[in-house]
Protein backbone atom coordinates (compact mmCIF):
# COMPACT_ATOMS: atom_id res chain seq x y z
CA MET A 1 -125.06 -113.36 -59.57
CA PHE A 2 -123.60 -113.53 -63.05
CA ARG A 3 -121.97 -116.87 -62.26
CA LEU A 4 -120.47 -118.73 -65.21
CA ASP A 5 -119.66 -122.07 -63.59
CA GLY A 6 -119.40 -124.87 -66.14
CA LYS A 7 -119.05 -122.49 -69.08
CA VAL A 8 -116.10 -122.42 -71.46
CA ALA A 9 -115.11 -118.99 -72.77
CA LEU A 10 -112.65 -118.05 -75.52
CA VAL A 11 -111.31 -114.50 -75.35
CA THR A 12 -109.24 -113.16 -78.23
CA GLY A 13 -106.61 -110.52 -77.60
CA ALA A 14 -106.37 -111.80 -74.03
CA SER A 15 -102.66 -111.20 -73.55
CA GLN A 16 -103.01 -107.59 -72.38
CA GLY A 17 -105.27 -104.62 -71.79
CA ILE A 18 -109.02 -105.01 -72.11
CA GLY A 19 -108.75 -108.64 -73.20
CA GLU A 20 -106.70 -109.54 -70.14
CA ALA A 21 -109.24 -107.85 -67.87
CA ILE A 22 -112.10 -109.72 -69.56
CA ALA A 23 -110.34 -113.08 -69.26
CA LYS A 24 -109.66 -112.55 -65.56
CA ARG A 25 -113.23 -111.40 -64.86
CA LEU A 26 -114.85 -114.34 -66.64
CA ALA A 27 -112.57 -116.74 -64.76
CA ALA A 28 -113.45 -115.05 -61.47
CA GLN A 29 -117.11 -115.65 -62.31
CA GLY A 30 -116.40 -119.37 -62.67
CA ALA A 31 -115.78 -119.90 -66.40
CA THR A 32 -112.95 -121.92 -67.85
CA VAL A 33 -111.22 -119.26 -69.95
CA VAL A 34 -109.19 -120.01 -73.06
CA CYS A 35 -106.91 -117.04 -73.66
CA ALA A 36 -106.07 -116.43 -77.31
CA ALA A 37 -103.56 -114.08 -78.95
CA ARG A 38 -100.49 -114.19 -81.15
CA THR A 39 -97.79 -114.37 -78.45
CA LEU A 40 -97.70 -117.50 -76.30
CA ARG A 41 -95.39 -116.06 -73.64
CA ASN A 42 -97.72 -113.15 -72.86
CA LEU A 43 -100.75 -115.44 -72.86
CA GLN A 44 -99.10 -117.76 -70.38
CA VAL A 45 -98.52 -114.87 -67.98
CA VAL A 46 -102.25 -114.08 -68.00
CA ALA A 47 -103.24 -117.74 -67.68
CA ASN A 48 -100.85 -118.23 -64.76
CA ALA A 49 -102.33 -115.20 -62.99
CA ILE A 50 -105.81 -116.67 -63.41
CA THR A 51 -104.85 -120.08 -62.03
CA GLU A 52 -102.92 -118.53 -59.14
CA ALA A 53 -106.12 -116.66 -58.22
CA GLY A 54 -108.02 -119.96 -58.16
CA GLY A 55 -109.51 -119.79 -61.67
CA LYS A 56 -109.31 -122.13 -64.64
CA ALA A 57 -107.40 -121.05 -67.75
CA ASP A 58 -105.92 -122.43 -70.93
CA VAL A 59 -104.05 -120.78 -73.80
CA VAL A 60 -104.18 -121.06 -77.57
CA VAL A 61 -102.14 -119.13 -80.10
CA ALA A 62 -104.28 -117.45 -82.76
CA ASP A 63 -103.68 -114.78 -85.37
CA LEU A 64 -107.00 -113.07 -86.12
CA ALA A 65 -105.71 -112.02 -89.55
CA ASP A 66 -105.37 -115.71 -90.48
CA THR A 67 -108.74 -117.43 -90.90
CA ALA A 68 -107.24 -120.91 -90.60
CA SER A 69 -105.57 -119.93 -87.33
CA VAL A 70 -108.86 -118.62 -85.95
CA ARG A 71 -110.73 -121.79 -86.88
CA ALA A 72 -107.99 -123.92 -85.37
CA ALA A 73 -108.27 -121.99 -82.08
CA ILE A 74 -112.01 -122.65 -81.88
CA ALA A 75 -111.52 -126.32 -82.76
CA ALA A 76 -108.79 -126.68 -80.13
CA THR A 77 -111.06 -125.13 -77.49
CA VAL A 78 -113.87 -127.57 -78.23
CA GLU A 79 -111.50 -130.53 -78.42
CA ARG A 80 -109.82 -129.76 -75.10
CA HIS A 81 -112.85 -128.65 -73.10
CA GLY A 82 -115.80 -130.29 -74.83
CA ALA A 83 -117.63 -127.05 -75.66
CA ILE A 84 -117.45 -123.36 -76.32
CA HIS A 85 -120.20 -121.39 -74.62
CA ILE A 86 -118.85 -117.85 -74.71
CA LEU A 87 -116.89 -116.13 -77.48
CA VAL A 88 -115.44 -112.69 -76.85
CA ASN A 89 -114.00 -111.07 -79.96
CA ASN A 90 -111.69 -108.48 -78.46
CA ALA A 91 -108.49 -108.65 -80.54
CA GLY A 92 -107.82 -105.65 -82.71
CA ILE A 93 -105.12 -103.50 -84.25
CA THR A 94 -104.86 -99.93 -85.51
CA ARG A 95 -103.01 -98.41 -88.45
CA ASP A 96 -103.96 -94.77 -88.04
CA LYS A 97 -103.50 -92.31 -90.89
CA LEU A 98 -105.56 -89.60 -92.51
CA LEU A 99 -107.64 -90.99 -95.36
CA ILE A 100 -105.62 -89.23 -98.04
CA GLN A 101 -102.41 -90.80 -96.67
CA MET A 102 -103.74 -94.25 -95.90
CA LYS A 103 -102.21 -97.09 -97.88
CA GLU A 104 -104.22 -100.05 -99.06
CA GLU A 105 -102.20 -102.36 -96.83
CA ASP A 106 -103.14 -100.21 -93.80
CA TRP A 107 -106.80 -100.63 -94.70
CA ASP A 108 -106.51 -104.37 -95.32
CA ALA A 109 -104.52 -105.11 -92.17
CA VAL A 110 -107.10 -103.51 -89.87
CA LEU A 111 -110.16 -104.92 -91.65
CA ASP A 112 -108.62 -108.40 -91.80
CA THR A 113 -107.93 -108.52 -88.06
CA ASP A 114 -110.69 -106.41 -86.53
CA LEU A 115 -113.62 -107.46 -88.71
CA LYS A 116 -112.79 -110.50 -90.83
CA GLY A 117 -111.09 -112.19 -87.89
CA ALA A 118 -114.16 -111.70 -85.72
CA TRP A 119 -116.37 -113.04 -88.51
CA ALA A 120 -114.19 -116.15 -88.80
CA ALA A 121 -114.35 -116.76 -85.05
CA VAL A 122 -118.13 -116.33 -84.96
CA GLN A 123 -118.60 -118.65 -87.92
CA ALA A 124 -116.40 -121.33 -86.36
CA ALA A 125 -118.12 -121.08 -82.97
CA THR A 126 -121.64 -121.11 -84.41
CA LYS A 127 -121.93 -124.86 -85.04
CA PRO A 128 -121.01 -126.04 -81.51
CA MET A 129 -123.11 -123.29 -79.94
CA MET A 130 -126.14 -124.19 -82.06
CA LYS A 131 -125.68 -127.88 -81.28
CA GLN A 132 -125.63 -127.27 -77.52
CA ARG A 133 -128.43 -124.70 -77.85
CA TRP A 134 -126.66 -122.16 -75.69
CA GLY A 135 -124.15 -119.50 -76.57
CA ARG A 136 -123.00 -115.97 -75.95
CA ILE A 137 -121.17 -114.02 -78.65
CA ILE A 138 -119.79 -110.69 -77.46
CA ASN A 139 -117.98 -108.42 -79.89
CA ILE A 140 -115.83 -105.59 -78.56
CA ALA A 141 -116.38 -102.70 -80.95
CA SER A 142 -115.64 -99.04 -80.11
CA VAL A 143 -117.32 -95.71 -79.54
CA VAL A 144 -115.59 -94.46 -82.69
CA GLY A 145 -117.51 -97.08 -84.67
CA GLN A 146 -120.63 -95.19 -83.61
CA MET A 147 -119.41 -91.61 -84.04
CA GLY A 148 -116.44 -91.67 -86.44
CA ASN A 149 -112.93 -90.38 -85.81
CA PRO A 150 -110.49 -88.53 -88.10
CA GLY A 151 -107.40 -90.52 -88.97
CA GLN A 152 -109.06 -93.86 -88.27
CA ALA A 153 -111.21 -94.58 -91.32
CA ASN A 154 -110.06 -98.21 -91.41
CA TYR A 155 -110.56 -98.81 -87.67
CA VAL A 156 -113.91 -97.02 -87.61
CA ALA A 157 -115.15 -98.99 -90.62
CA ALA A 158 -114.11 -102.25 -88.97
CA LYS A 159 -115.77 -101.44 -85.67
CA ALA A 160 -118.95 -100.15 -87.31
CA GLY A 161 -118.98 -103.33 -89.38
CA LEU A 162 -118.61 -105.37 -86.22
CA ILE A 163 -121.76 -103.78 -84.82
CA GLY A 164 -123.64 -104.67 -88.02
CA LEU A 165 -122.26 -108.21 -87.95
CA THR A 166 -123.47 -108.56 -84.37
CA LYS A 167 -127.03 -107.65 -85.32
CA SER A 168 -127.16 -110.10 -88.23
CA VAL A 169 -125.70 -112.91 -86.13
CA ALA A 170 -128.22 -112.17 -83.37
CA ARG A 171 -131.12 -112.60 -85.80
CA GLU A 172 -129.69 -115.77 -87.34
CA LEU A 173 -128.94 -117.57 -84.08
CA ALA A 174 -131.72 -116.44 -81.74
CA SER A 175 -133.86 -119.52 -82.40
CA ARG A 176 -131.02 -121.70 -81.03
CA ASN A 177 -130.71 -119.72 -77.78
CA VAL A 178 -127.47 -118.09 -78.90
CA THR A 179 -127.24 -114.36 -78.26
CA ALA A 180 -124.92 -111.85 -79.90
CA ASN A 181 -124.19 -108.40 -78.52
CA ALA A 182 -121.57 -105.71 -78.93
CA VAL A 183 -119.80 -103.64 -76.30
CA THR A 184 -118.46 -100.25 -77.35
CA PRO A 185 -115.73 -98.92 -75.04
CA GLY A 186 -114.99 -95.22 -74.92
CA TYR A 187 -111.60 -93.87 -73.86
CA ILE A 188 -110.03 -96.64 -71.79
CA GLU A 189 -106.86 -96.59 -69.71
CA THR A 190 -104.43 -98.99 -71.36
CA ALA A 191 -100.70 -99.30 -71.80
CA MET A 192 -101.08 -97.23 -74.95
CA THR A 193 -102.98 -94.36 -73.34
CA ALA A 194 -100.72 -94.43 -70.27
CA GLY A 195 -97.96 -92.95 -72.40
CA LEU A 196 -100.00 -89.95 -73.52
CA PRO A 197 -99.09 -86.50 -72.19
CA GLU A 198 -101.18 -85.39 -69.23
CA ASP A 199 -102.65 -82.44 -71.17
CA VAL A 200 -103.87 -84.82 -73.88
CA LYS A 201 -105.49 -87.10 -71.31
CA ALA A 202 -107.05 -84.07 -69.65
CA GLU A 203 -108.54 -83.04 -72.99
CA PHE A 204 -110.01 -86.53 -73.45
CA THR A 205 -111.49 -86.40 -69.98
CA LYS A 206 -113.27 -83.13 -70.73
CA GLN A 207 -115.40 -85.02 -73.27
CA ILE A 208 -116.57 -87.54 -70.65
CA PRO A 209 -119.46 -86.54 -68.39
CA LEU A 210 -118.34 -88.98 -65.67
CA GLY A 211 -115.02 -87.14 -65.59
CA ARG A 212 -112.61 -90.05 -65.99
CA MET A 213 -111.27 -92.50 -68.52
CA GLY A 214 -112.59 -96.02 -68.29
CA THR A 215 -110.70 -99.11 -67.20
CA GLY A 216 -110.43 -102.61 -68.54
CA GLU A 217 -112.46 -103.73 -65.55
CA ASP A 218 -115.33 -101.46 -66.62
CA ILE A 219 -115.50 -103.28 -69.94
CA ALA A 220 -115.01 -106.69 -68.32
CA ALA A 221 -117.99 -106.11 -66.03
CA ALA A 222 -120.24 -105.42 -69.02
CA VAL A 223 -118.97 -108.54 -70.80
CA ALA A 224 -119.52 -110.69 -67.71
CA PHE A 225 -123.14 -109.55 -67.58
CA LEU A 226 -123.79 -110.20 -71.27
CA ALA A 227 -122.21 -113.66 -70.91
CA SER A 228 -124.51 -114.62 -68.06
CA GLU A 229 -127.87 -116.35 -67.77
CA GLU A 230 -129.29 -113.05 -66.52
CA ALA A 231 -128.69 -111.53 -69.97
CA GLY A 232 -130.51 -114.32 -71.78
CA TYR A 233 -133.20 -111.98 -73.17
CA ILE A 234 -130.72 -109.46 -74.56
CA THR A 235 -129.51 -109.92 -78.13
CA GLY A 236 -128.56 -107.75 -81.08
CA GLN A 237 -127.76 -104.85 -78.76
CA THR A 238 -124.86 -102.43 -78.47
CA LEU A 239 -123.89 -101.70 -74.88
CA SER A 240 -121.98 -98.41 -74.68
CA VAL A 241 -119.44 -98.24 -71.87
CA ASN A 242 -118.06 -94.77 -72.41
CA GLY A 243 -118.73 -92.65 -69.34
CA GLY A 244 -121.44 -90.77 -71.21
CA MET A 245 -119.23 -89.28 -73.94
CA LEU A 246 -121.68 -90.56 -76.56
CA MET A 247 -125.34 -90.98 -75.73
CA VAL A 248 -127.53 -92.68 -78.33
């Protein structure tokens, strides 16, 4: 179930956190996973872990804020592996500040990486996916892109835009058997949240009906499903993986 044998997947932001979990899960399901991020050393650690577990992995350096770098990563994937079947746009950054304090460069940096970078990756992957008449585009947005969050106007705008981009792409590519869906994580345990005080984490947890923060594996499981043949009749959708903190 949810096997991905013979598929080639590119995962951005795969060097840590949610992206690392996604890369490992897709490889465990049988895909050849190309791990993409800005730091080669960290990528290699993830790729080595995948191969040591019996999976197939490759690495490519890509800066999502640089359109040429994104396009080169897609081209390298196709050149090395003959196809790209699955694209997971996970890479993202934050530059949190209250709106009144936010500088233009803070706005631009987040939008360039989190939204424009995803657009560039989708655009570059579209041609090979259309040609092979099979593709899965999965964009990792965020619960805050659905509900807003003070101090994150740039991040929220980017993630809300990513959901809109997903819907448009789904309509444009459906006739070629290419689906596009978004996953919106809620509060997820990462290296960043691990450093939060326990009282802050407890306050977060109070907002979650399931009573716990999510894990990278929770998000990876959703991505693995959307990447599979079993999800072939699902497109243009937003799959919320948030423990019930937002129900829409």
